[in-house]
Protein backbone atom coordinates (compact mmCIF):
# COMPACT_ATOMS: atom_id res chain seq x y z
CA UNK A 1 51.27 47.40 -104.45
CA UNK A 2 50.95 43.75 -103.49
CA UNK A 3 50.77 40.65 -105.65
CA UNK A 4 47.19 39.90 -106.68
CA UNK A 5 45.50 36.95 -105.01
CA UNK A 6 44.65 34.22 -107.56
CA UNK A 7 41.13 34.22 -106.08
CA UNK A 8 40.73 37.98 -106.49
CA UNK A 9 38.00 39.35 -108.75
CA UNK A 10 38.79 39.32 -112.47
CA UNK A 11 37.69 42.02 -114.88
CA UNK A 12 37.29 40.92 -118.50
CA UNK A 13 37.44 43.79 -121.00
CA UNK A 14 37.63 44.47 -124.73
CA UNK A 15 41.39 44.62 -125.27
CA UNK A 16 41.27 46.73 -128.43
CA UNK A 17 38.81 49.36 -127.16
CA UNK A 18 40.42 52.66 -126.12
CA UNK A 19 37.63 53.39 -123.62
CA UNK A 20 38.02 49.93 -122.08
CA UNK A 21 41.81 50.20 -121.84
CA UNK A 22 41.45 53.65 -120.28
CA UNK A 23 38.97 52.20 -117.79
CA UNK A 24 41.43 49.46 -116.83
CA UNK A 25 44.15 52.06 -116.16
CA UNK A 26 41.61 54.15 -114.21
CA UNK A 27 40.74 51.12 -112.04
CA UNK A 28 44.41 50.22 -111.46
CA UNK A 29 45.16 53.74 -110.16
CA UNK A 30 42.26 53.50 -107.71
CA UNK A 31 42.95 49.92 -106.60
CA UNK A 32 46.09 50.37 -104.46
CA UNK A 33 45.65 46.98 -102.78
CA UNK A 34 45.70 45.28 -106.21
CA UNK A 35 42.40 43.52 -105.56
CA UNK A 36 41.46 43.21 -109.22
CA UNK A 37 43.10 41.15 -111.95
CA UNK A 38 42.44 41.74 -115.64
CA UNK A 39 42.16 39.78 -118.89
CA UNK A 40 41.00 40.78 -122.32
CA UNK A 41 37.91 39.11 -123.67
CA UNK A 42 39.97 38.22 -126.74
CA UNK A 43 42.52 36.23 -124.70
CA UNK A 44 42.38 32.46 -124.29
CA UNK A 45 41.48 32.99 -120.62
CA UNK A 46 38.69 35.42 -121.54
CA UNK A 47 37.27 32.99 -124.09
CA UNK A 48 37.47 30.12 -121.56
CA UNK A 49 35.52 32.20 -119.03
CA UNK A 50 32.81 32.99 -121.58
CA UNK A 51 32.44 29.24 -122.20
CA UNK A 52 32.51 28.44 -118.48
CA UNK A 53 29.67 30.88 -117.79
CA UNK A 54 27.81 29.85 -120.96
CA UNK A 55 27.98 33.35 -122.44
CA UNK A 56 27.98 34.36 -126.06
CA UNK A 57 31.23 35.82 -127.35
CA UNK A 58 30.55 39.50 -126.81
CA UNK A 59 32.82 42.49 -126.67
CA UNK A 60 30.04 44.89 -125.68
CA UNK A 61 30.30 44.51 -121.95
CA UNK A 62 32.89 44.56 -119.24
CA UNK A 63 32.49 41.40 -117.20
CA UNK A 64 33.37 40.91 -113.57
CA UNK A 65 33.97 37.46 -112.14
CA UNK A 66 33.81 37.46 -108.38
CA UNK A 67 33.18 34.61 -105.94
CA UNK A 68 32.19 32.28 -108.76
CA UNK A 69 29.59 34.68 -110.18
CA UNK A 70 29.59 36.65 -113.41
CA UNK A 71 28.39 40.26 -113.49
CA UNK A 72 27.94 42.27 -116.66
CA UNK A 73 27.11 45.75 -117.93
CA UNK A 74 26.04 48.26 -115.27
CA UNK A 75 26.05 45.65 -112.49
CA UNK A 76 29.72 44.89 -113.17
CA UNK A 77 30.61 48.60 -113.42
CA UNK A 78 28.86 49.48 -110.13
CA UNK A 79 30.37 46.48 -108.32
CA UNK A 80 33.85 47.49 -109.53
CA UNK A 81 33.30 51.12 -108.50
CA UNK A 82 32.21 49.99 -105.02
CA UNK A 83 35.69 48.54 -104.41
CA UNK A 84 37.76 51.51 -105.59
CA UNK A 85 39.41 54.12 -103.40
CA UNK A 86 38.12 57.66 -103.17
CA UNK A 87 34.55 58.73 -103.88
CA UNK A 88 33.88 56.05 -106.50
CA UNK A 89 31.99 53.70 -104.15
CA UNK A 90 29.27 56.38 -104.00
CA UNK A 91 28.28 55.34 -107.53
CA UNK A 92 26.71 52.29 -105.86
CA UNK A 93 23.76 54.58 -105.15
CA UNK A 94 22.81 54.08 -108.82
CA UNK A 95 21.68 50.56 -107.90
CA UNK A 96 18.34 52.16 -107.01
CA UNK A 97 17.88 52.94 -110.72
CA UNK A 98 16.13 50.03 -112.46
CA UNK A 99 18.66 47.66 -114.03
CA UNK A 100 16.96 47.91 -117.43
CA UNK A 101 17.56 51.70 -117.47
CA UNK A 102 21.16 51.40 -116.25
CA UNK A 103 21.89 48.67 -118.80
CA UNK A 104 20.19 50.70 -121.53
CA UNK A 105 22.60 53.60 -120.98
CA UNK A 106 25.52 51.16 -120.69
CA UNK A 107 24.58 49.45 -123.98
CA UNK A 108 24.21 52.79 -125.79
CA UNK A 109 27.74 53.80 -124.71
CA UNK A 110 29.12 50.34 -125.56
CA UNK A 111 27.66 50.45 -129.07
CA UNK A 112 29.25 53.82 -129.77
CA UNK A 113 32.57 53.42 -127.96
CA UNK A 114 34.71 52.71 -131.04
CA UNK A 115 33.27 55.71 -132.85
CA UNK A 116 33.69 58.04 -129.86
CA UNK A 117 36.97 56.77 -128.36
CA UNK A 118 38.63 54.76 -131.12
CA UNK A 119 40.09 51.31 -131.36
CA UNK A 120 43.58 49.80 -131.22
CA UNK A 121 45.04 47.36 -133.70
CA UNK A 122 45.98 44.93 -130.91
CA UNK A 123 45.32 44.35 -127.22
CA UNK A 124 47.18 46.47 -124.68
CA UNK A 125 50.49 45.08 -123.46
CA UNK A 126 50.87 45.83 -119.75
CA UNK A 127 54.02 47.44 -118.43
CA UNK A 128 56.39 45.18 -116.46
CA UNK A 129 55.10 46.74 -113.20
CA UNK A 130 51.51 45.83 -114.07
CA UNK A 131 52.10 42.48 -115.76
CA UNK A 132 51.31 40.49 -112.58
CA UNK A 133 47.79 41.97 -112.56
CA UNK A 134 46.97 40.55 -116.02
CA UNK A 135 46.02 37.02 -116.97
CA UNK A 136 46.98 35.64 -120.36
């Protein structure tokens, strides 16, 4: 696994959400080229990015910053999946579904994620092997 490029896409996630942390680990396993970097939305970096993109402080969406653009909800999830190894890029076919429908399902899951998957007391601390992939 190589060192992540400082210009590589950044995924911002809810650092105390078990589903979100599981998703980060899922992405890391399917990103052998280490294309993605990660930061929790609660981190200083995450908060700075929310300000930079003029976004409300929200923990209900994974955010993807790529090439100076911010993607959220289902658009972020599908864009991330398109860059993973294996069959995951096939999920891009869901782009034909209207964004309002995709985001509706995404929002429903996001609203219930703590109840269904639980919550941590603090943000995940990456292992020494993964530390270079995390910002902040």
